[in-house]
Amino acid sequence: MVIQKRLLLTILISVDPAHTDSIEKEMSQVAASKNLDFAAEFIATQPEFSLTERLHLVILGSPLSPMALSTVAHAIATKSGNIDRIHRTVSYPVTAFEFLITLNKEKRESLIEELTTLSQREV
């Protein structure tokens, strides 16, 4: 994904929780040696993939700020959702993005409630 002329790359790996500090330290050193930024987030559990479903989420705005996109992505991440694809479908007179999401079925209603609340405030 490219945001403000910066290429963002993400990976998902399984690690032994006892080694997270050393992994983060080593990855930071490698990134620094290559003049790159590095950030890590370690999550204790994985979602139940057998209980997941795919959802389509369309967000609209005029204007639609980068902060709004970030807020939606964060809401999805807090529910252990995965954004499989983001596609801008319209750019004028409103901007629209379609998110294809994989999410645990049990967290669907909670995500909908959170996004509904977010949609009612200006971001």
PDB file of N, CA and C in Angstrom:
ATOM      1  N   MET A   1       0.845  -1.149   0.000  1.00  0.00           N
ATOM      2  CA  MET A   1       0.000   0.000   0.000  1.00  0.00           C
ATOM      3  C   MET A   1       0.905   1.231   0.000  1.00  0.00           C
ATOM      4  N   VAL A   2       0.550   2.223  -0.789  1.00  0.00           N
ATOM      5  CA  VAL A   2       1.307   3.468  -0.835  1.00  0.00           C
ATOM      6  C   VAL A   2       0.452   4.567  -0.214  1.00  0.00           C
ATOM      7  N   ILE A   3       0.999   5.218   0.784  1.00  0.00           N
ATOM      8  CA  ILE A   3       0.328   6.329   1.449  1.00  0.00           C
ATOM      9  C   ILE A   3       1.313   7.482   1.503  1.00  0.00           C
ATOM     10  N   GLN A   4       0.900   8.613   0.971  1.00  0.00           N
ATOM     11  CA  GLN A   4       1.728   9.818   0.924  1.00  0.00           C
ATOM     12  C   GLN A   4       3.139   9.511   0.401  1.00  0.00           C
ATOM     13  N   LYS A   5       3.174   8.819  -0.722  1.00  0.00           N
ATOM     14  CA  LYS A   5       4.410   8.473  -1.421  1.00  0.00           C
ATOM     15  C   LYS A   5       5.348   7.583  -0.610  1.00  0.00           C
ATOM     16  N   ARG A   6       4.768   6.864   0.367  1.00  0.00           N
ATOM     17  CA  ARG A   6       5.559   5.917   1.155  1.00  0.00           C
ATOM     18  C   ARG A   6       4.981   4.529   0.958  1.00  0.00           C
ATOM     19  N   LEU A   7       5.819   3.576   0.648  1.00  0.00           N
ATOM     20  CA  LEU A   7       5.398   2.196   0.472  1.00  0.00           C
ATOM     21  C   LEU A   7       5.349   1.523   1.843  1.00  0.00           C
ATOM     22  N   LEU A   8       4.192   0.973   2.184  1.00  0.00           N
ATOM     23  CA  LEU A   8       4.024   0.274   3.452  1.00  0.00           C
ATOM     24  C   LEU A   8       3.916  -1.223   3.163  1.00  0.00           C
ATOM     25  N   LEU A   9       4.764  -1.990   3.822  1.00  0.00           N
ATOM     26  CA  LEU A   9       4.764  -3.437   3.664  1.00  0.00           C
ATOM     27  C   LEU A   9       4.424  -4.064   5.008  1.00  0.00           C
ATOM     28  N   THR A  10       3.593  -5.087   4.995  1.00  0.00           N
ATOM     29  CA  THR A  10       3.226  -5.770   6.233  1.00  0.00           C
ATOM     30  C   THR A  10       3.442  -7.266   6.061  1.00  0.00           C
ATOM     31  N   ILE A  11       3.738  -7.918   7.181  1.00  0.00           N
ATOM     32  CA  ILE A  11       3.860  -9.370   7.183  1.00  0.00           C
ATOM     33  C   ILE A  11       3.194  -9.903   8.446  1.00  0.00           C
ATOM     34  N   LEU A  12       2.772 -11.137   8.366  1.00  0.00           N
ATOM     35  CA  LEU A  12       2.199 -11.825   9.511  1.00  0.00           C
ATOM     36  C   LEU A  12       2.992 -13.110   9.694  1.00  0.00           C
ATOM     37  N   ILE A  13       3.608 -13.251  10.859  1.00  0.00           N
ATOM     38  CA  ILE A  13       4.398 -14.449  11.141  1.00  0.00           C
ATOM     39  C   ILE A  13       4.038 -14.971  12.523  1.00  0.00           C
ATOM     40  N   SER A  14       4.282 -16.246  12.732  1.00  0.00           N
ATOM     41  CA  SER A  14       4.097 -16.853  14.050  1.00  0.00           C
ATOM     42  C   SER A  14       5.456 -16.887  14.735  1.00  0.00           C
ATOM     43  N   VAL A  15       5.476 -16.476  15.995  1.00  0.00           N
ATOM     44  CA  VAL A  15       6.729 -16.468  16.752  1.00  0.00           C
ATOM     45  C   VAL A  15       6.475 -16.993  18.157  1.00  0.00           C
ATOM     46  N   ASP A  16       7.539 -17.447  18.759  1.00  0.00           N
ATOM     47  CA  ASP A  16       7.480 -17.842  20.158  1.00  0.00           C
ATOM     48  C   ASP A  16       7.384 -16.559  20.988  1.00  0.00           C
ATOM     49  N   PRO A  17       6.344 -16.407  21.815  1.00  0.00           N
ATOM     50  CA  PRO A  17       6.189 -15.185  22.603  1.00  0.00           C
ATOM     51  C   PRO A  17       7.405 -14.842  23.458  1.00  0.00           C
ATOM     52  N   ALA A  18       8.183 -15.835  23.823  1.00  0.00           N
ATOM     53  CA  ALA A  18       9.373 -15.585  24.640  1.00  0.00           C
ATOM     54  C   ALA A  18      10.454 -14.847  23.867  1.00  0.00           C
ATOM     55  N   HIS A  19      10.356 -14.816  22.534  1.00  0.00           N
ATOM     56  CA  HIS A  19      11.397 -14.206  21.718  1.00  0.00           C
ATOM     57  C   HIS A  19      10.987 -12.873  21.088  1.00  0.00           C
ATOM     58  N   THR A  20       9.841 -12.328  21.453  1.00  0.00           N
ATOM     59  CA  THR A  20       9.363 -11.112  20.788  1.00  0.00           C
ATOM     60  C   THR A  20      10.310  -9.926  20.967  1.00  0.00           C
ATOM     61  N   ASP A  21      10.883  -9.776  22.154  1.00  0.00           N
ATOM     62  CA  ASP A  21      11.798  -8.638  22.371  1.00  0.00           C
ATOM     63  C   ASP A  21      13.025  -8.720  21.483  1.00  0.00           C
ATOM     64  N   SER A  22      13.626  -9.903  21.394  1.00  0.00           N
ATOM     65  CA  SER A  22      14.838 -10.037  20.575  1.00  0.00           C
ATOM     66  C   SER A  22      14.506  -9.917  19.084  1.00  0.00           C
ATOM     67  N   ILE A  23      13.347 -10.419  18.669  1.00  0.00           N
ATOM     68  CA  ILE A  23      12.946 -10.299  17.265  1.00  0.00           C
ATOM     69  C   ILE A  23      12.748  -8.828  16.910  1.00  0.00           C
ATOM     70  N   GLU A  24      12.048  -8.105  17.771  1.00  0.00           N
ATOM     71  CA  GLU A  24      11.816  -6.685  17.505  1.00  0.00           C
ATOM     72  C   GLU A  24      13.131  -5.912  17.476  1.00  0.00           C
ATOM     73  N   LYS A  25      14.046  -6.223  18.372  1.00  0.00           N
ATOM     74  CA  LYS A  25      15.345  -5.546  18.413  1.00  0.00           C
ATOM     75  C   LYS A  25      16.132  -5.815  17.131  1.00  0.00           C
ATOM     76  N   GLU A  26      16.185  -7.076  16.711  1.00  0.00           N
ATOM     77  CA  GLU A  26      16.933  -7.425  15.505  1.00  0.00           C
ATOM     78  C   GLU A  26      16.316  -6.813  14.252  1.00  0.00           C
ATOM     79  N   MET A  27      14.996  -6.838  14.155  1.00  0.00           N
ATOM     80  CA  MET A  27      14.332  -6.255  12.985  1.00  0.00           C
ATOM     81  C   MET A  27      14.544  -4.735  12.943  1.00  0.00           C
ATOM     82  N   SER A  28      14.532  -4.095  14.085  1.00  0.00           N
ATOM     83  CA  SER A  28      14.793  -2.657  14.144  1.00  0.00           C
ATOM     84  C   SER A  28      16.206  -2.334  13.683  1.00  0.00           C
ATOM     85  N   GLN A  29      17.172  -3.169  14.076  1.00  0.00           N
ATOM     86  CA  GLN A  29      18.556  -2.952  13.664  1.00  0.00           C
ATOM     87  C   GLN A  29      18.713  -3.123  12.152  1.00  0.00           C
ATOM     88  N   VAL A  30      18.089  -4.148  11.600  1.00  0.00           N
ATOM     89  CA  VAL A  30      18.159  -4.377  10.152  1.00  0.00           C
ATOM     90  C   VAL A  30      17.515  -3.207   9.411  1.00  0.00           C
ATOM     91  N   ALA A  31      16.351  -2.776   9.877  1.00  0.00           N
ATOM     92  CA  ALA A  31      15.656  -1.655   9.231  1.00  0.00           C
ATOM     93  C   ALA A  31      16.508  -0.390   9.280  1.00  0.00           C
ATOM     94  N   ALA A  32      17.109  -0.116  10.432  1.00  0.00           N
ATOM     95  CA  ALA A  32      17.943   1.078  10.570  1.00  0.00           C
ATOM     96  C   ALA A  32      19.144   1.021   9.633  1.00  0.00           C
ATOM     97  N   SER A  33      19.724  -0.148   9.467  1.00  0.00           N
ATOM     98  CA  SER A  33      20.890  -0.276   8.584  1.00  0.00           C
ATOM     99  C   SER A  33      20.525  -0.058   7.114  1.00  0.00           C
ATOM    100  N   LYS A  34      19.246  -0.199   6.793  1.00  0.00           N
ATOM    101  CA  LYS A  34      18.784  -0.013   5.412  1.00  0.00           C
ATOM    102  C   LYS A  34      17.981   1.283   5.247  1.00  0.00           C
ATOM    103  N   ASN A  35      18.041   2.139   6.283  1.00  0.00           N
ATOM    104  CA  ASN A  35      17.348   3.430   6.275  1.00  0.00           C
ATOM    105  C   ASN A  35      15.828   3.257   6.095  1.00  0.00           C
ATOM    106  N   LEU A  36      15.260   2.294   6.824  1.00  0.00           N
ATOM    107  CA  LEU A  36      13.828   2.017   6.785  1.00  0.00           C
ATOM    108  C   LEU A  36      13.225   2.233   8.159  1.00  0.00           C
ATOM    109  N   ASP A  37      11.921   2.510   8.189  1.00  0.00           N
ATOM    110  CA  ASP A  37      11.187   2.560   9.455  1.00  0.00           C
ATOM    111  C   ASP A  37      10.655   1.164   9.738  1.00  0.00           C
ATOM    112  N   PHE A  38      10.572   0.801  11.009  1.00  0.00           N
ATOM    113  CA  PHE A  38      10.066  -0.513  11.389  1.00  0.00           C
ATOM    114  C   PHE A  38       9.143  -0.368  12.577  1.00  0.00           C
ATOM    115  N   ALA A  39       8.011  -1.063  12.534  1.00  0.00           N
ATOM    116  CA  ALA A  39       7.092  -1.117  13.665  1.00  0.00           C
ATOM    117  C   ALA A  39       6.592  -2.551  13.783  1.00  0.00           C
ATOM    118  N   ALA A  40       6.416  -3.017  15.015  1.00  0.00           N
ATOM    119  CA  ALA A  40       5.945  -4.378  15.241  1.00  0.00           C
ATOM    120  C   ALA A  40       4.778  -4.362  16.208  1.00  0.00           C
ATOM    121  N   GLU A  41       3.862  -5.284  15.990  1.00  0.00           N
ATOM    122  CA  GLU A  41       2.756  -5.491  16.913  1.00  0.00           C
ATOM    123  C   GLU A  41       2.652  -6.992  17.133  1.00  0.00           C
ATOM    124  N   PHE A  42       2.781  -7.411  18.365  1.00  0.00           N
ATOM    125  CA  PHE A  42       2.706  -8.830  18.686  1.00  0.00           C
ATOM    126  C   PHE A  42       1.350  -9.111  19.310  1.00  0.00           C
ATOM    127  N   ILE A  43       0.654 -10.092  18.762  1.00  0.00           N
ATOM    128  CA  ILE A  43      -0.691 -10.441  19.213  1.00  0.00           C
ATOM    129  C   ILE A  43      -0.639 -11.838  19.804  1.00  0.00           C
ATOM    130  N   ALA A  44      -1.226 -11.997  20.976  1.00  0.00           N
ATOM    131  CA  ALA A  44      -1.121 -13.261  21.708  1.00  0.00           C
ATOM    132  C   ALA A  44      -1.907 -14.396  21.063  1.00  0.00           C
ATOM    133  N   THR A  45      -3.026 -14.104  20.429  1.00  0.00           N
ATOM    134  CA  THR A  45      -3.850 -15.172  19.863  1.00  0.00           C
ATOM    135  C   THR A  45      -4.202 -14.874  18.420  1.00  0.00           C
ATOM    136  N   GLN A  46      -4.558 -15.907  17.712  1.00  0.00           N
ATOM    137  CA  GLN A  46      -4.994 -15.794  16.322  1.00  0.00           C
ATOM    138  C   GLN A  46      -6.504 -16.005  16.289  1.00  0.00           C
ATOM    139  N   PRO A  47      -7.196 -15.387  15.329  1.00  0.00           N
ATOM    140  CA  PRO A  47      -8.628 -15.630  15.215  1.00  0.00           C
ATOM    141  C   PRO A  47      -8.920 -17.070  14.786  1.00  0.00           C
ATOM    142  N   GLU A  48     -10.097 -17.530  15.106  1.00  0.00           N
ATOM    143  CA  GLU A  48     -10.530 -18.856  14.678  1.00  0.00           C
ATOM    144  C   GLU A  48     -10.907 -18.780  13.205  1.00  0.00           C
ATOM    145  N   PHE A  49     -10.013 -19.226  12.323  1.00  0.00           N
ATOM    146  CA  PHE A  49     -10.252 -19.083  10.896  1.00  0.00           C
ATOM    147  C   PHE A  49     -11.429 -19.931  10.419  1.00  0.00           C
ATOM    148  N   SER A  50     -11.742 -21.018  11.120  1.00  0.00           N
ATOM    149  CA  SER A  50     -12.890 -21.824  10.715  1.00  0.00           C
ATOM    150  C   SER A  50     -14.203 -21.098  10.983  1.00  0.00           C
ATOM    151  N   LEU A  51     -14.157 -20.079  11.794  1.00  0.00           N
ATOM    152  CA  LEU A  51     -15.355 -19.324  12.141  1.00  0.00           C
ATOM    153  C   LEU A  51     -15.382 -17.949  11.472  1.00  0.00           C
ATOM    154  N   THR A  52     -14.635 -17.788  10.397  1.00  0.00           N
ATOM    155  CA  THR A  52     -14.555 -16.475   9.766  1.00  0.00           C
ATOM    156  C   THR A  52     -15.525 -16.359   8.601  1.00  0.00           C
ATOM    157  N   GLU A  53     -15.782 -15.117   8.257  1.00  0.00           N
ATOM    158  CA  GLU A  53     -16.590 -14.821   7.082  1.00  0.00           C
ATOM    159  C   GLU A  53     -15.972 -13.634   6.372  1.00  0.00           C
ATOM    160  N   ARG A  54     -16.335 -13.482   5.105  1.00  0.00           N
ATOM    161  CA  ARG A  54     -15.836 -12.354   4.317  1.00  0.00           C
ATOM    162  C   ARG A  54     -16.928 -11.305   4.244  1.00  0.00           C
ATOM    163  N   LEU A  55     -16.537 -10.068   4.482  1.00  0.00           N
ATOM    164  CA  LEU A  55     -17.473  -8.954   4.463  1.00  0.00           C
ATOM    165  C   LEU A  55     -17.000  -7.906   3.471  1.00  0.00           C
ATOM    166  N   HIS A  56     -17.950  -7.189   2.907  1.00  0.00           N
ATOM    167  CA  HIS A  56     -17.655  -6.030   2.068  1.00  0.00           C
ATOM    168  C   HIS A  56     -18.089  -4.799   2.856  1.00  0.00           C
ATOM    169  N   LEU A  57     -17.193  -3.855   2.991  1.00  0.00           N
ATOM    170  CA  LEU A  57     -17.487  -2.603   3.673  1.00  0.00           C
ATOM    171  C   LEU A  57     -17.191  -1.476   2.702  1.00  0.00           C
ATOM    172  N   VAL A  58     -18.133  -0.595   2.503  1.00  0.00           N
ATOM    173  CA  VAL A  58     -17.923   0.560   1.638  1.00  0.00           C
ATOM    174  C   VAL A  58     -18.025   1.793   2.510  1.00  0.00           C
ATOM    175  N   ILE A  59     -16.987   2.646   2.438  1.00  0.00           N
ATOM    176  CA  ILE A  59     -17.040   3.911   3.166  1.00  0.00           C
ATOM    177  C   ILE A  59     -17.038   5.045   2.145  1.00  0.00           C
ATOM    178  N   LEU A  60     -17.842   6.057   2.448  1.00  0.00           N
ATOM    179  CA  LEU A  60     -18.022   7.212   1.563  1.00  0.00           C
ATOM    180  C   LEU A  60     -17.691   8.476   2.324  1.00  0.00           C
ATOM    181  N   GLY A  61     -17.212   9.477   1.619  1.00  0.00           N
ATOM    182  CA  GLY A  61     -16.965  10.764   2.243  1.00  0.00           C
ATOM    183  C   GLY A  61     -16.720  11.835   1.210  1.00  0.00           C
ATOM    184  N   SER A  62     -17.011  13.040   1.608  1.00  0.00           N
ATOM    185  CA  SER A  62     -16.747  14.192   0.748  1.00  0.00           C
ATOM    186  C   SER A  62     -16.358  15.363   1.636  1.00  0.00           C
ATOM    187  N   PRO A  63     -15.111  15.500   1.964  1.00  0.00           N
ATOM    188  CA  PRO A  63     -13.979  14.654   1.562  1.00  0.00           C
ATOM    189  C   PRO A  63     -13.869  13.426   2.476  1.00  0.00           C
ATOM    190  N   LEU A  64     -13.090  12.466   2.066  1.00  0.00           N
ATOM    191  CA  LEU A  64     -12.786  11.284   2.871  1.00  0.00           C
ATOM    192  C   LEU A  64     -11.312  11.382   3.243  1.00  0.00           C
ATOM    193  N   SER A  65     -11.066  11.678   4.498  1.00  0.00           N
ATOM    194  CA  SER A  65      -9.693  11.957   4.938  1.00  0.00           C
ATOM    195  C   SER A  65      -8.887  10.675   5.164  1.00  0.00           C
ATOM    196  N   PRO A  66      -7.559  10.775   5.082  1.00  0.00           N
ATOM    197  CA  PRO A  66      -6.708   9.632   5.428  1.00  0.00           C
ATOM    198  C   PRO A  66      -6.945   9.165   6.868  1.00  0.00           C
ATOM    199  N   MET A  67      -7.266  10.119   7.757  1.00  0.00           N
ATOM    200  CA  MET A  67      -7.541   9.756   9.151  1.00  0.00           C
ATOM    201  C   MET A  67      -8.784   8.869   9.235  1.00  0.00           C
ATOM    202  N   ALA A  68      -9.777   9.137   8.397  1.00  0.00           N
ATOM    203  CA  ALA A  68     -10.977   8.304   8.390  1.00  0.00           C
ATOM    204  C   ALA A  68     -10.641   6.877   7.966  1.00  0.00           C
ATOM    205  N   LEU A  69      -9.816   6.733   6.930  1.00  0.00           N
ATOM    206  CA  LEU A  69      -9.396   5.399   6.488  1.00  0.00           C
ATOM    207  C   LEU A  69      -8.606   4.686   7.581  1.00  0.00           C
ATOM    208  N   SER A  70      -7.743   5.421   8.235  1.00  0.00           N
ATOM    209  CA  SER A  70      -6.941   4.852   9.317  1.00  0.00           C
ATOM    210  C   SER A  70      -7.834   4.407  10.476  1.00  0.00           C
ATOM    211  N   THR A  71      -8.846   5.200  10.786  1.00  0.00           N
ATOM    212  CA  THR A  71      -9.757   4.872  11.881  1.00  0.00           C
ATOM    213  C   THR A  71     -10.544   3.601  11.571  1.00  0.00           C
ATOM    214  N   VAL A  72     -10.999   3.464  10.344  1.00  0.00           N
ATOM    215  CA  VAL A  72     -11.723   2.258   9.936  1.00  0.00           C
ATOM    216  C   VAL A  72     -10.792   1.049  10.000  1.00  0.00           C
ATOM    217  N   ALA A  73      -9.590   1.180   9.491  1.00  0.00           N
ATOM    218  CA  ALA A  73      -8.622   0.079   9.522  1.00  0.00           C
ATOM    219  C   ALA A  73      -8.308  -0.330  10.960  1.00  0.00           C
ATOM    220  N   HIS A  74      -8.185   0.651  11.834  1.00  0.00           N
ATOM    221  CA  HIS A  74      -7.904   0.356  13.249  1.00  0.00           C
ATOM    222  C   HIS A  74      -9.079  -0.387  13.886  1.00  0.00           C
ATOM    223  N   ALA A  75     -10.302   0.037  13.575  1.00  0.00           N
ATOM    224  CA  ALA A  75     -11.483  -0.642  14.123  1.00  0.00           C
ATOM    225  C   ALA A  75     -11.513  -2.104  13.680  1.00  0.00           C
ATOM    226  N   ILE A  76     -11.179  -2.355  12.433  1.00  0.00           N
ATOM    227  CA  ILE A  76     -11.138  -3.730  11.919  1.00  0.00           C
ATOM    228  C   ILE A  76     -10.046  -4.523  12.638  1.00  0.00           C
ATOM    229  N   ALA A  77      -8.890  -3.913  12.812  1.00  0.00           N
ATOM    230  CA  ALA A  77      -7.767  -4.597  13.468  1.00  0.00           C
ATOM    231  C   ALA A  77      -8.079  -4.928  14.925  1.00  0.00           C
ATOM    232  N   THR A  78      -8.776  -4.040  15.625  1.00  0.00           N
ATOM    233  CA  THR A  78      -9.090  -4.305  17.037  1.00  0.00           C
ATOM    234  C   THR A  78     -10.048  -5.476  17.198  1.00  0.00           C
ATOM    235  N   LYS A  79     -10.745  -5.828  16.132  1.00  0.00           N
ATOM    236  CA  LYS A  79     -11.642  -6.995  16.159  1.00  0.00           C
ATOM    237  C   LYS A  79     -10.953  -8.222  15.564  1.00  0.00           C
ATOM    238  N   SER A  80      -9.637  -8.151  15.409  1.00  0.00           N
ATOM    239  CA  SER A  80      -8.820  -9.220  14.820  1.00  0.00           C
ATOM    240  C   SER A  80      -9.232  -9.530  13.394  1.00  0.00           C
ATOM    241  N   GLY A  81      -9.767  -8.526  12.720  1.00  0.00           N
ATOM    242  CA  GLY A  81     -10.134  -8.690  11.324  1.00  0.00           C
ATOM    243  C   GLY A  81      -8.930  -8.512  10.424  1.00  0.00           C
ATOM    244  N   ASN A  82      -9.031  -9.017   9.221  1.00  0.00           N
ATOM    245  CA  ASN A  82      -7.973  -8.873   8.243  1.00  0.00           C
ATOM    246  C   ASN A  82      -8.534  -8.158   7.022  1.00  0.00           C
ATOM    247  N   ILE A  83      -7.856  -7.098   6.593  1.00  0.00           N
ATOM    248  CA  ILE A  83      -8.259  -6.397   5.383  1.00  0.00           C
ATOM    249  C   ILE A  83      -7.556  -7.089   4.218  1.00  0.00           C
ATOM    250  N   ASP A  84      -8.338  -7.789   3.415  1.00  0.00           N
ATOM    251  CA  ASP A  84      -7.779  -8.530   2.292  1.00  0.00           C
ATOM    252  C   ASP A  84      -7.545  -7.632   1.083  1.00  0.00           C
ATOM    253  N   ARG A  85      -8.385  -6.599   0.946  1.00  0.00           N
ATOM    254  CA  ARG A  85      -8.250  -5.723  -0.210  1.00  0.00           C
ATOM    255  C   ARG A  85      -8.923  -4.388   0.086  1.00  0.00           C
ATOM    256  N   ILE A  86      -8.324  -3.319  -0.427  1.00  0.00           N
ATOM    257  CA  ILE A  86      -8.936  -1.981  -0.396  1.00  0.00           C
ATOM    258  C   ILE A  86      -8.934  -1.488  -1.830  1.00  0.00           C
ATOM    259  N   HIS A  87     -10.109  -1.026  -2.274  1.00  0.00           N
ATOM    260  CA  HIS A  87     -10.244  -0.571  -3.655  1.00  0.00           C
ATOM    261  C   HIS A  87     -11.039   0.734  -3.679  1.00  0.00           C
ATOM    262  N   ARG A  88     -10.451   1.783  -4.270  1.00  0.00           N
ATOM    263  CA  ARG A  88     -11.197   3.031  -4.419  1.00  0.00           C
ATOM    264  C   ARG A  88     -12.146   2.861  -5.595  1.00  0.00           C
ATOM    265  N   THR A  89     -13.433   3.001  -5.328  1.00  0.00           N
ATOM    266  CA  THR A  89     -14.430   2.773  -6.373  1.00  0.00           C
ATOM    267  C   THR A  89     -14.910   4.069  -7.013  1.00  0.00           C
ATOM    268  N   VAL A  90     -14.865   5.172  -6.276  1.00  0.00           N
ATOM    269  CA  VAL A  90     -15.326   6.470  -6.781  1.00  0.00           C
ATOM    270  C   VAL A  90     -14.412   7.546  -6.215  1.00  0.00           C
ATOM    271  N   SER A  91     -14.116   8.569  -7.026  1.00  0.00           N
ATOM    272  CA  SER A  91     -13.302   9.670  -6.509  1.00  0.00           C
ATOM    273  C   SER A  91     -13.979  11.027  -6.629  1.00  0.00           C
ATOM    274  N   TYR A  92     -15.052  11.138  -7.424  1.00  0.00           N
ATOM    275  CA  TYR A  92     -15.735  12.426  -7.555  1.00  0.00           C
ATOM    276  C   TYR A  92     -17.191  12.191  -7.886  1.00  0.00           C
ATOM    277  N   PRO A  93     -18.134  12.862  -7.299  1.00  0.00           N
ATOM    278  CA  PRO A  93     -18.062  13.996  -6.374  1.00  0.00           C
ATOM    279  C   PRO A  93     -17.814  13.583  -4.922  1.00  0.00           C
ATOM    280  N   VAL A  94     -17.991  12.292  -4.628  1.00  0.00           N
ATOM    281  CA  VAL A  94     -17.617  11.785  -3.308  1.00  0.00           C
ATOM    282  C   VAL A  94     -16.514  10.759  -3.523  1.00  0.00           C
ATOM    283  N   THR A  95     -15.821  10.440  -2.459  1.00  0.00           N
ATOM    284  CA  THR A  95     -14.804   9.401  -2.513  1.00  0.00           C
ATOM    285  C   THR A  95     -15.367   8.164  -1.830  1.00  0.00           C
ATOM    286  N   ALA A  96     -15.159   7.004  -2.440  1.00  0.00           N
ATOM    287  CA  ALA A  96     -15.637   5.751  -1.864  1.00  0.00           C
ATOM    288  C   ALA A  96     -14.543   4.695  -1.944  1.00  0.00           C
ATOM    289  N   PHE A  97     -14.384   3.975  -0.853  1.00  0.00           N
ATOM    290  CA  PHE A  97     -13.455   2.855  -0.795  1.00  0.00           C
ATOM    291  C   PHE A  97     -14.227   1.608  -0.386  1.00  0.00           C
ATOM    292  N   GLU A  98     -13.914   0.509  -1.041  1.00  0.00           N
ATOM    293  CA  GLU A  98     -14.492  -0.783  -0.679  1.00  0.00           C
ATOM    294  C   GLU A  98     -13.407  -1.599   0.013  1.00  0.00           C
ATOM    295  N   PHE A  99     -13.726  -2.082   1.195  1.00  0.00           N
ATOM    296  CA  PHE A  99     -12.835  -2.953   1.949  1.00  0.00           C
ATOM    297  C   PHE A  99     -13.383  -4.371   1.862  1.00  0.00           C
ATOM    298  N   LEU A 100     -12.545  -5.333   1.526  1.00  0.00           N
ATOM    299  CA  LEU A 100     -12.903  -6.739   1.608  1.00  0.00           C
ATOM    300  C   LEU A 100     -12.231  -7.263   2.872  1.00  0.00           C
ATOM    301  N   ILE A 101     -13.036  -7.746   3.808  1.00  0.00           N
ATOM    302  CA  ILE A 101     -12.563  -8.066   5.158  1.00  0.00           C
ATOM    303  C   ILE A 101     -12.828  -9.539   5.469  1.00  0.00           C
ATOM    304  N   THR A 102     -11.884 -10.181   6.152  1.00  0.00           N
ATOM    305  CA  THR A 102     -12.098 -11.493   6.752  1.00  0.00           C
ATOM    306  C   THR A 102     -12.171 -11.265   8.254  1.00  0.00           C
ATOM    307  N   LEU A 103     -13.253 -11.764   8.862  1.00  0.00           N
ATOM    308  CA  LEU A 103     -13.510 -11.462  10.270  1.00  0.00           C
ATOM    309  C   LEU A 103     -14.171 -12.653  10.948  1.00  0.00           C
ATOM    310  N   ASN A 104     -13.847 -12.850  12.209  1.00  0.00           N
ATOM    311  CA  ASN A 104     -14.510 -13.864  13.014  1.00  0.00           C
ATOM    312  C   ASN A 104     -15.991 -13.528  13.085  1.00  0.00           C
ATOM    313  N   LYS A 105     -16.846 -14.502  12.814  1.00  0.00           N
ATOM    314  CA  LYS A 105     -18.292 -14.282  12.778  1.00  0.00           C
ATOM    315  C   LYS A 105     -18.824 -13.710  14.091  1.00  0.00           C
ATOM    316  N   GLU A 106     -18.231 -14.111  15.199  1.00  0.00           N
ATOM    317  CA  GLU A 106     -18.690 -13.649  16.505  1.00  0.00           C
ATOM    318  C   GLU A 106     -18.415 -12.158  16.730  1.00  0.00           C
ATOM    319  N   LYS A 107     -17.506 -11.586  15.960  1.00  0.00           N
ATOM    320  CA  LYS A 107     -17.151 -10.180  16.144  1.00  0.00           C
ATOM    321  C   LYS A 107     -17.828  -9.263  15.136  1.00  0.00           C
ATOM    322  N   ARG A 108     -18.641  -9.830  14.254  1.00  0.00           N
ATOM    323  CA  ARG A 108     -19.277  -9.044  13.199  1.00  0.00           C
ATOM    324  C   ARG A 108     -20.157  -7.928  13.770  1.00  0.00           C
ATOM    325  N   GLU A 109     -21.062  -8.276  14.669  1.00  0.00           N
ATOM    326  CA  GLU A 109     -21.979  -7.277  15.218  1.00  0.00           C
ATOM    327  C   GLU A 109     -21.232  -6.189  15.980  1.00  0.00           C
ATOM    328  N   SER A 110     -20.201  -6.587  16.694  1.00  0.00           N
ATOM    329  CA  SER A 110     -19.396  -5.614  17.438  1.00  0.00           C
ATOM    330  C   SER A 110     -18.713  -4.635  16.488  1.00  0.00           C
ATOM    331  N   LEU A 111     -18.201  -5.131  15.359  1.00  0.00           N
ATOM    332  CA  LEU A 111     -17.564  -4.254  14.374  1.00  0.00           C
ATOM    333  C   LEU A 111     -18.600  -3.305  13.760  1.00  0.00           C
ATOM    334  N   ILE A 112     -19.754  -3.836  13.435  1.00  0.00           N
ATOM    335  CA  ILE A 112     -20.811  -2.994  12.866  1.00  0.00           C
ATOM    336  C   ILE A 112     -21.193  -1.876  13.828  1.00  0.00           C
ATOM    337  N   GLU A 113     -21.326  -2.200  15.105  1.00  0.00           N
ATOM    338  CA  GLU A 113     -21.657  -1.179  16.109  1.00  0.00           C
ATOM    339  C   GLU A 113     -20.573  -0.111  16.182  1.00  0.00           C
ATOM    340  N   GLU A 114     -19.319  -0.550  16.197  1.00  0.00           N
ATOM    341  CA  GLU A 114     -18.214   0.416  16.287  1.00  0.00           C
ATOM    342  C   GLU A 114     -18.153   1.305  15.048  1.00  0.00           C
ATOM    343  N   LEU A 115     -18.316   0.719  13.866  1.00  0.00           N
ATOM    344  CA  LEU A 115     -18.278   1.517  12.639  1.00  0.00           C
ATOM    345  C   LEU A 115     -19.468   2.469  12.554  1.00  0.00           C
ATOM    346  N   THR A 116     -20.617   2.045  13.052  1.00  0.00           N
ATOM    347  CA  THR A 116     -21.786   2.917  13.095  1.00  0.00           C
ATOM    348  C   THR A 116     -21.511   4.130  13.977  1.00  0.00           C
ATOM    349  N   THR A 117     -20.933   3.883  15.141  1.00  0.00           N
ATOM    350  CA  THR A 117     -20.565   4.982  16.044  1.00  0.00           C
ATOM    351  C   THR A 117     -19.556   5.912  15.383  1.00  0.00           C
ATOM    352  N   LEU A 118     -18.534   5.333  14.723  1.00  0.00           N
ATOM    353  CA  LEU A 118     -17.518   6.143  14.053  1.00  0.00           C
ATOM    354  C   LEU A 118     -18.122   6.983  12.931  1.00  0.00           C
ATOM    355  N   SER A 119     -19.109   6.430  12.230  1.00  0.00           N
ATOM    356  CA  SER A 119     -19.694   7.142  11.087  1.00  0.00           C
ATOM    357  C   SER A 119     -20.469   8.388  11.520  1.00  0.00           C
ATOM    358  N   GLN A 120     -20.825   8.438  12.785  1.00  0.00           N
ATOM    359  CA  GLN A 120     -21.607   9.556  13.286  1.00  0.00           C
ATOM    360  C   GLN A 120     -20.760  10.708  13.793  1.00  0.00           C
ATOM    361  N   ARG A 121     -19.458  10.522  13.769  1.00  0.00           N
ATOM    362  CA  ARG A 121     -18.574  11.623  14.171  1.00  0.00           C
ATOM    363  C   ARG A 121     -17.685  12.012  13.009  1.00  0.00           C
ATOM    364  N   GLU A 122     -17.225  13.212  13.037  1.00  0.00           N
ATOM    365  CA  GLU A 122     -16.374  13.712  11.956  1.00  0.00           C
ATOM    366  C   GLU A 122     -14.942  13.351  12.236  1.00  0.00           C
ATOM    367  N   VAL A 123     -14.291  12.714  11.282  1.00  0.00           N
ATOM    368  CA  VAL A 123     -12.883  12.304  11.440  1.00  0.00           C
ATOM    369  C   VAL A 123     -12.032  13.106  10.495  1.00  0.00           C
TER     370      VAL A 123
END
